[in-house]
Amino acid sequence: MDDSEEDKPIAVWMASSLNDIREFPEEVRREAGFKLRQVQRGEQPSDFKYMQ
């Protein structure tokens, strides 16, 4: 893994977001974790939408 693929740590979880994710069903947690890892590596998940 080179520097461009290195995960950037999540510095701050807002409010109850970490606990909320932990309460998701396992399959949903895996998908969310996969998408978060893509963002941490500077990639864009295939199904992202810009915030307005």
C-alpha atoms as a PDB file:
ATOM      1  CA  MET A   1       0.000   0.000   0.000  1.00  0.00           C
ATOM      2  CA  ASP A   2       1.468   3.375  -0.961  1.00  0.00           C
ATOM      3  CA  ASP A   3       0.746   6.701   0.767  1.00  0.00           C
ATOM      4  CA  SER A   4      -2.159   7.529  -1.566  1.00  0.00           C
ATOM      5  CA  GLU A   5      -4.019   4.405  -0.422  1.00  0.00           C
ATOM      6  CA  GLU A   6      -3.360   4.908   3.298  1.00  0.00           C
ATOM      7  CA  ASP A   7      -6.488   5.326   5.411  1.00  0.00           C
ATOM      8  CA  LYS A   8      -7.016   8.764   6.912  1.00  0.00           C
ATOM      9  CA  PRO A   9      -8.328   8.406  10.460  1.00  0.00           C
ATOM     10  CA  ILE A  10     -11.782   9.613  11.363  1.00  0.00           C
ATOM     11  CA  ALA A  11     -10.823  12.383  13.778  1.00  0.00           C
ATOM     12  CA  VAL A  12     -14.238  13.130  15.227  1.00  0.00           C
ATOM     13  CA  TRP A  13     -17.518  11.237  15.246  1.00  0.00           C
ATOM     14  CA  MET A  14     -20.341  13.756  15.405  1.00  0.00           C
ATOM     15  CA  ALA A  15     -22.895  13.412  18.216  1.00  0.00           C
ATOM     16  CA  SER A  16     -24.158   9.813  18.365  1.00  0.00           C
ATOM     17  CA  SER A  17     -23.027   8.797  14.851  1.00  0.00           C
ATOM     18  CA  LEU A  18     -20.614   6.048  15.971  1.00  0.00           C
ATOM     19  CA  ASN A  19     -23.177   4.503  18.324  1.00  0.00           C
ATOM     20  CA  ASP A  20     -25.836   4.830  15.623  1.00  0.00           C
ATOM     21  CA  ILE A  21     -23.698   2.907  13.134  1.00  0.00           C
ATOM     22  CA  ARG A  22     -23.008   0.216  15.733  1.00  0.00           C
ATOM     23  CA  GLU A  23     -26.773  -0.351  16.018  1.00  0.00           C
ATOM     24  CA  PHE A  24     -27.224  -0.965  12.266  1.00  0.00           C
ATOM     25  CA  PRO A  25     -27.779  -4.542  11.059  1.00  0.00           C
ATOM     26  CA  GLU A  26     -24.487  -6.311  10.287  1.00  0.00           C
ATOM     27  CA  GLU A  27     -24.811  -6.152   6.489  1.00  0.00           C
ATOM     28  CA  VAL A  28     -25.572  -2.419   6.601  1.00  0.00           C
ATOM     29  CA  ARG A  29     -22.577  -1.825   8.933  1.00  0.00           C
ATOM     30  CA  ARG A  30     -20.301  -3.644   6.484  1.00  0.00           C
ATOM     31  CA  GLU A  31     -21.539  -1.556   3.564  1.00  0.00           C
ATOM     32  CA  ALA A  32     -21.184   1.673   5.553  1.00  0.00           C
ATOM     33  CA  GLY A  33     -17.694   0.630   6.660  1.00  0.00           C
ATOM     34  CA  PHE A  34     -16.689  -0.116   3.073  1.00  0.00           C
ATOM     35  CA  LYS A  35     -17.950   3.300   1.930  1.00  0.00           C
ATOM     36  CA  LEU A  36     -16.189   5.069   4.826  1.00  0.00           C
ATOM     37  CA  ARG A  37     -12.930   3.328   3.941  1.00  0.00           C
ATOM     38  CA  GLN A  38     -13.256   4.511   0.329  1.00  0.00           C
ATOM     39  CA  VAL A  39     -13.674   8.090   1.541  1.00  0.00           C
ATOM     40  CA  GLN A  40     -10.726   7.702   3.937  1.00  0.00           C
ATOM     41  CA  ARG A  41      -8.583   6.701   0.947  1.00  0.00           C
ATOM     42  CA  GLY A  42      -9.685   9.707  -1.092  1.00  0.00           C
ATOM     43  CA  GLU A  43     -11.967   7.667  -3.348  1.00  0.00           C
ATOM     44  CA  GLN A  44     -15.588   8.394  -4.178  1.00  0.00           C
ATOM     45  CA  PRO A  45     -18.134   5.675  -3.459  1.00  0.00           C
ATOM     46  CA  SER A  46     -19.989   4.686  -6.618  1.00  0.00           C
ATOM     47  CA  ASP A  47     -23.362   5.739  -5.208  1.00  0.00           C
ATOM     48  CA  PHE A  48     -22.473   9.073  -3.555  1.00  0.00           C
ATOM     49  CA  LYS A  49     -24.540  12.224  -3.946  1.00  0.00           C
ATOM     50  CA  TYR A  50     -23.380  15.785  -3.463  1.00  0.00           C
ATOM     51  CA  MET A  51     -24.852  17.559  -0.455  1.00  0.00           C
ATOM     52  CA  GLN A  52     -26.848  20.681  -1.211  1.00  0.00           C
END
